[in-house]
């Protein structure tokens, strides 16, 4: 990798986020599911190329970590761009479902009992 390539990798995320280093929201995790809104709101401005790539990749529900991997960008940069898209009404974000410990224990006991009958 040449020195110019290394500099480009450092500058590019900075420009993609408009110089921001922190997301405007704290509700995105690695496993938050993101889906593009179809059809997009009429009032929405034309997205930047990287934002448009996110919208294409999220035509079906996709996790934040997967988006970052497909885009070859740090998760922190992707989250900032996702905040922009969410605020523009172009995506929906669904947090991971919480699983209660009681349900897990009940399921494990049923599995244990079933295995004991075999």
C-alpha atoms as a PDB file:
ATOM      1  CA  UNK A   1       0.000   0.000   0.000  1.00  0.00           C
ATOM      2  CA  UNK A   2       1.458   3.354  -0.968  1.00  0.00           C
ATOM      3  CA  UNK A   3       1.621   6.313   1.347  1.00  0.00           C
ATOM      4  CA  UNK A   4      -1.119   8.052  -0.675  1.00  0.00           C
ATOM      5  CA  UNK A   5      -3.435   5.050  -0.225  1.00  0.00           C
ATOM      6  CA  UNK A   6      -2.879   5.118   3.528  1.00  0.00           C
ATOM      7  CA  UNK A   7      -3.664   8.830   3.690  1.00  0.00           C
ATOM      8  CA  UNK A   8      -6.808   8.276   1.606  1.00  0.00           C
ATOM      9  CA  UNK A   9      -8.048   5.592   4.009  1.00  0.00           C
ATOM     10  CA  UNK A  10      -7.675   8.038   6.906  1.00  0.00           C
ATOM     11  CA  UNK A  11      -9.242  11.052   5.206  1.00  0.00           C
ATOM     12  CA  UNK A  12     -12.173   9.266   3.542  1.00  0.00           C
ATOM     13  CA  UNK A  13     -14.125   8.350   6.699  1.00  0.00           C
ATOM     14  CA  UNK A  14     -13.649  11.906   7.970  1.00  0.00           C
ATOM     15  CA  UNK A  15     -15.190  13.297   4.785  1.00  0.00           C
ATOM     16  CA  UNK A  16     -18.023  10.744   4.748  1.00  0.00           C
ATOM     17  CA  UNK A  17     -19.170  11.914   8.173  1.00  0.00           C
ATOM     18  CA  UNK A  18     -18.747  15.608   7.470  1.00  0.00           C
ATOM     19  CA  UNK A  19     -16.010  15.727  10.096  1.00  0.00           C
ATOM     20  CA  UNK A  20     -18.234  14.312  12.821  1.00  0.00           C
ATOM     21  CA  UNK A  21     -16.713  11.755  15.151  1.00  0.00           C
ATOM     22  CA  UNK A  22     -19.781  10.866  17.209  1.00  0.00           C
ATOM     23  CA  UNK A  23     -23.242   9.717  16.114  1.00  0.00           C
ATOM     24  CA  UNK A  24     -26.219  11.953  16.825  1.00  0.00           C
ATOM     25  CA  UNK A  25     -28.075   8.991  18.368  1.00  0.00           C
ATOM     26  CA  UNK A  26     -27.056   6.179  20.678  1.00  0.00           C
ATOM     27  CA  UNK A  27     -29.540   3.530  19.566  1.00  0.00           C
ATOM     28  CA  UNK A  28     -27.359   1.676  17.029  1.00  0.00           C
ATOM     29  CA  UNK A  29     -25.488  -1.452  18.091  1.00  0.00           C
ATOM     30  CA  UNK A  30     -23.591  -3.985  16.002  1.00  0.00           C
ATOM     31  CA  UNK A  31     -26.711  -6.135  15.759  1.00  0.00           C
ATOM     32  CA  UNK A  32     -29.312  -3.422  15.195  1.00  0.00           C
ATOM     33  CA  UNK A  33     -31.264  -4.336  12.052  1.00  0.00           C
ATOM     34  CA  UNK A  34     -31.525  -1.628   9.402  1.00  0.00           C
ATOM     35  CA  UNK A  35     -34.008  -1.587   6.512  1.00  0.00           C
ATOM     36  CA  UNK A  36     -34.418   0.990   3.746  1.00  0.00           C
ATOM     37  CA  UNK A  37     -37.818   2.666   3.590  1.00  0.00           C
ATOM     38  CA  UNK A  38     -39.670   1.728   0.424  1.00  0.00           C
ATOM     39  CA  UNK A  39     -40.676   3.962  -1.186  1.00  0.00           C
ATOM     40  CA  UNK A  40     -38.423   6.707   0.152  1.00  0.00           C
ATOM     41  CA  UNK A  41     -40.148   9.868   1.391  1.00  0.00           C
ATOM     42  CA  UNK A  42     -40.778  12.402  -1.375  1.00  0.00           C
ATOM     43  CA  UNK A  43     -39.150  15.192   0.607  1.00  0.00           C
ATOM     44  CA  UNK A  44     -35.869  13.290   0.898  1.00  0.00           C
ATOM     45  CA  UNK A  45     -32.848  14.831  -0.775  1.00  0.00           C
ATOM     46  CA  UNK A  46     -30.768  12.746  -3.149  1.00  0.00           C
ATOM     47  CA  UNK A  47     -28.387  10.724  -0.974  1.00  0.00           C
ATOM     48  CA  UNK A  48     -24.599  10.886  -1.251  1.00  0.00           C
ATOM     49  CA  UNK A  49     -22.969   7.853  -2.977  1.00  0.00           C
ATOM     50  CA  UNK A  50     -22.053   6.056   0.270  1.00  0.00           C
ATOM     51  CA  UNK A  51     -25.512   6.710   1.687  1.00  0.00           C
ATOM     52  CA  UNK A  52     -27.014   5.330  -1.536  1.00  0.00           C
ATOM     53  CA  UNK A  53     -24.883   2.173  -1.138  1.00  0.00           C
ATOM     54  CA  UNK A  54     -26.259   1.724   2.371  1.00  0.00           C
ATOM     55  CA  UNK A  55     -29.795   2.084   1.041  1.00  0.00           C
ATOM     56  CA  UNK A  56     -29.155  -0.553  -1.650  1.00  0.00           C
ATOM     57  CA  UNK A  57     -27.575  -2.940   0.859  1.00  0.00           C
ATOM     58  CA  UNK A  58     -30.454  -2.465   3.277  1.00  0.00           C
ATOM     59  CA  UNK A  59     -33.236  -3.193   0.795  1.00  0.00           C
ATOM     60  CA  UNK A  60     -33.674  -6.249   3.020  1.00  0.00           C
ATOM     61  CA  UNK A  61     -33.015  -6.144   6.759  1.00  0.00           C
ATOM     62  CA  UNK A  62     -29.289  -6.130   7.510  1.00  0.00           C
ATOM     63  CA  UNK A  63     -27.252  -5.746  10.704  1.00  0.00           C
ATOM     64  CA  UNK A  64     -25.038  -2.711  11.262  1.00  0.00           C
ATOM     65  CA  UNK A  65     -21.941  -4.946  11.486  1.00  0.00           C
ATOM     66  CA  UNK A  66     -22.766  -6.493   8.089  1.00  0.00           C
ATOM     67  CA  UNK A  67     -23.134  -3.068   6.503  1.00  0.00           C
ATOM     68  CA  UNK A  68     -19.748  -1.995   7.842  1.00  0.00           C
ATOM     69  CA  UNK A  69     -18.171  -5.164   6.442  1.00  0.00           C
ATOM     70  CA  UNK A  70     -19.772  -4.727   2.998  1.00  0.00           C
ATOM     71  CA  UNK A  71     -18.749  -1.069   2.871  1.00  0.00           C
ATOM     72  CA  UNK A  72     -15.247  -1.772   4.218  1.00  0.00           C
ATOM     73  CA  UNK A  73     -15.654   1.099   6.672  1.00  0.00           C
ATOM     74  CA  UNK A  74     -15.314   1.348  10.441  1.00  0.00           C
ATOM     75  CA  UNK A  75     -18.566   0.676  12.303  1.00  0.00           C
ATOM     76  CA  UNK A  76     -18.359   4.119  13.933  1.00  0.00           C
ATOM     77  CA  UNK A  77     -18.427   5.802  10.509  1.00  0.00           C
ATOM     78  CA  UNK A  78     -21.313   3.634   9.308  1.00  0.00           C
ATOM     79  CA  UNK A  79     -23.310   4.446  12.456  1.00  0.00           C
ATOM     80  CA  UNK A  80     -22.894   8.189  11.840  1.00  0.00           C
ATOM     81  CA  UNK A  81     -24.143   7.740   8.268  1.00  0.00           C
ATOM     82  CA  UNK A  82     -27.035   5.577   9.500  1.00  0.00           C
ATOM     83  CA  UNK A  83     -28.038   8.350  11.902  1.00  0.00           C
ATOM     84  CA  UNK A  84     -28.219  10.723   8.931  1.00  0.00           C
ATOM     85  CA  UNK A  85     -30.394   8.280   6.984  1.00  0.00           C
ATOM     86  CA  UNK A  86     -32.655   7.589   9.967  1.00  0.00           C
ATOM     87  CA  UNK A  87     -33.168  11.297  10.615  1.00  0.00           C
ATOM     88  CA  UNK A  88     -33.983  11.799   6.908  1.00  0.00           C
ATOM     89  CA  UNK A  89     -36.622   9.058   7.135  1.00  0.00           C
ATOM     90  CA  UNK A  90     -34.819   6.839   4.616  1.00  0.00           C
ATOM     91  CA  UNK A  91     -34.272   3.824   6.884  1.00  0.00           C
ATOM     92  CA  UNK A  92     -35.840   2.147   9.853  1.00  0.00           C
ATOM     93  CA  UNK A  93     -33.770   0.682  12.665  1.00  0.00           C
ATOM     94  CA  UNK A  94     -34.901  -2.176  14.841  1.00  0.00           C
ATOM     95  CA  UNK A  95     -32.973  -2.924  18.016  1.00  0.00           C
ATOM     96  CA  UNK A  96     -32.234  -6.532  18.843  1.00  0.00           C
ATOM     97  CA  UNK A  97     -35.015  -8.308  20.680  1.00  0.00           C
ATOM     98  CA  UNK A  98     -34.322  -8.678  24.347  1.00  0.00           C
ATOM     99  CA  UNK A  99     -34.457 -12.186  25.682  1.00  0.00           C
ATOM    100  CA  UNK A 100     -35.457 -12.636  29.271  1.00  0.00           C
ATOM    101  CA  UNK A 101     -33.410 -14.994  31.393  1.00  0.00           C
ATOM    102  CA  UNK A 102     -36.561 -16.745  32.661  1.00  0.00           C
ATOM    103  CA  UNK A 103     -37.585 -17.867  29.175  1.00  0.00           C
ATOM    104  CA  UNK A 104     -34.082 -19.182  28.504  1.00  0.00           C
ATOM    105  CA  UNK A 105     -34.045 -21.201  31.721  1.00  0.00           C
ATOM    106  CA  UNK A 106     -37.473 -22.658  30.945  1.00  0.00           C
ATOM    107  CA  UNK A 107     -36.353 -23.649  27.448  1.00  0.00           C
ATOM    108  CA  UNK A 108     -33.169 -25.257  28.777  1.00  0.00           C
ATOM    109  CA  UNK A 109     -35.144 -27.278  31.309  1.00  0.00           C
ATOM    110  CA  UNK A 110     -37.493 -28.530  28.570  1.00  0.00           C
ATOM    111  CA  UNK A 111     -34.529 -29.523  26.415  1.00  0.00           C
ATOM    112  CA  UNK A 112     -32.913 -31.303  29.365  1.00  0.00           C
ATOM    113  CA  UNK A 113     -36.138 -33.152  30.121  1.00  0.00           C
ATOM    114  CA  UNK A 114     -36.540 -34.125  26.475  1.00  0.00           C
ATOM    115  CA  UNK A 115     -32.980 -35.386  26.251  1.00  0.00           C
ATOM    116  CA  UNK A 116     -33.515 -37.377  29.443  1.00  0.00           C
ATOM    117  CA  UNK A 117     -36.411 -39.203  27.797  1.00  0.00           C
ATOM    118  CA  UNK A 118     -34.306 -40.347  24.859  1.00  0.00           C
END
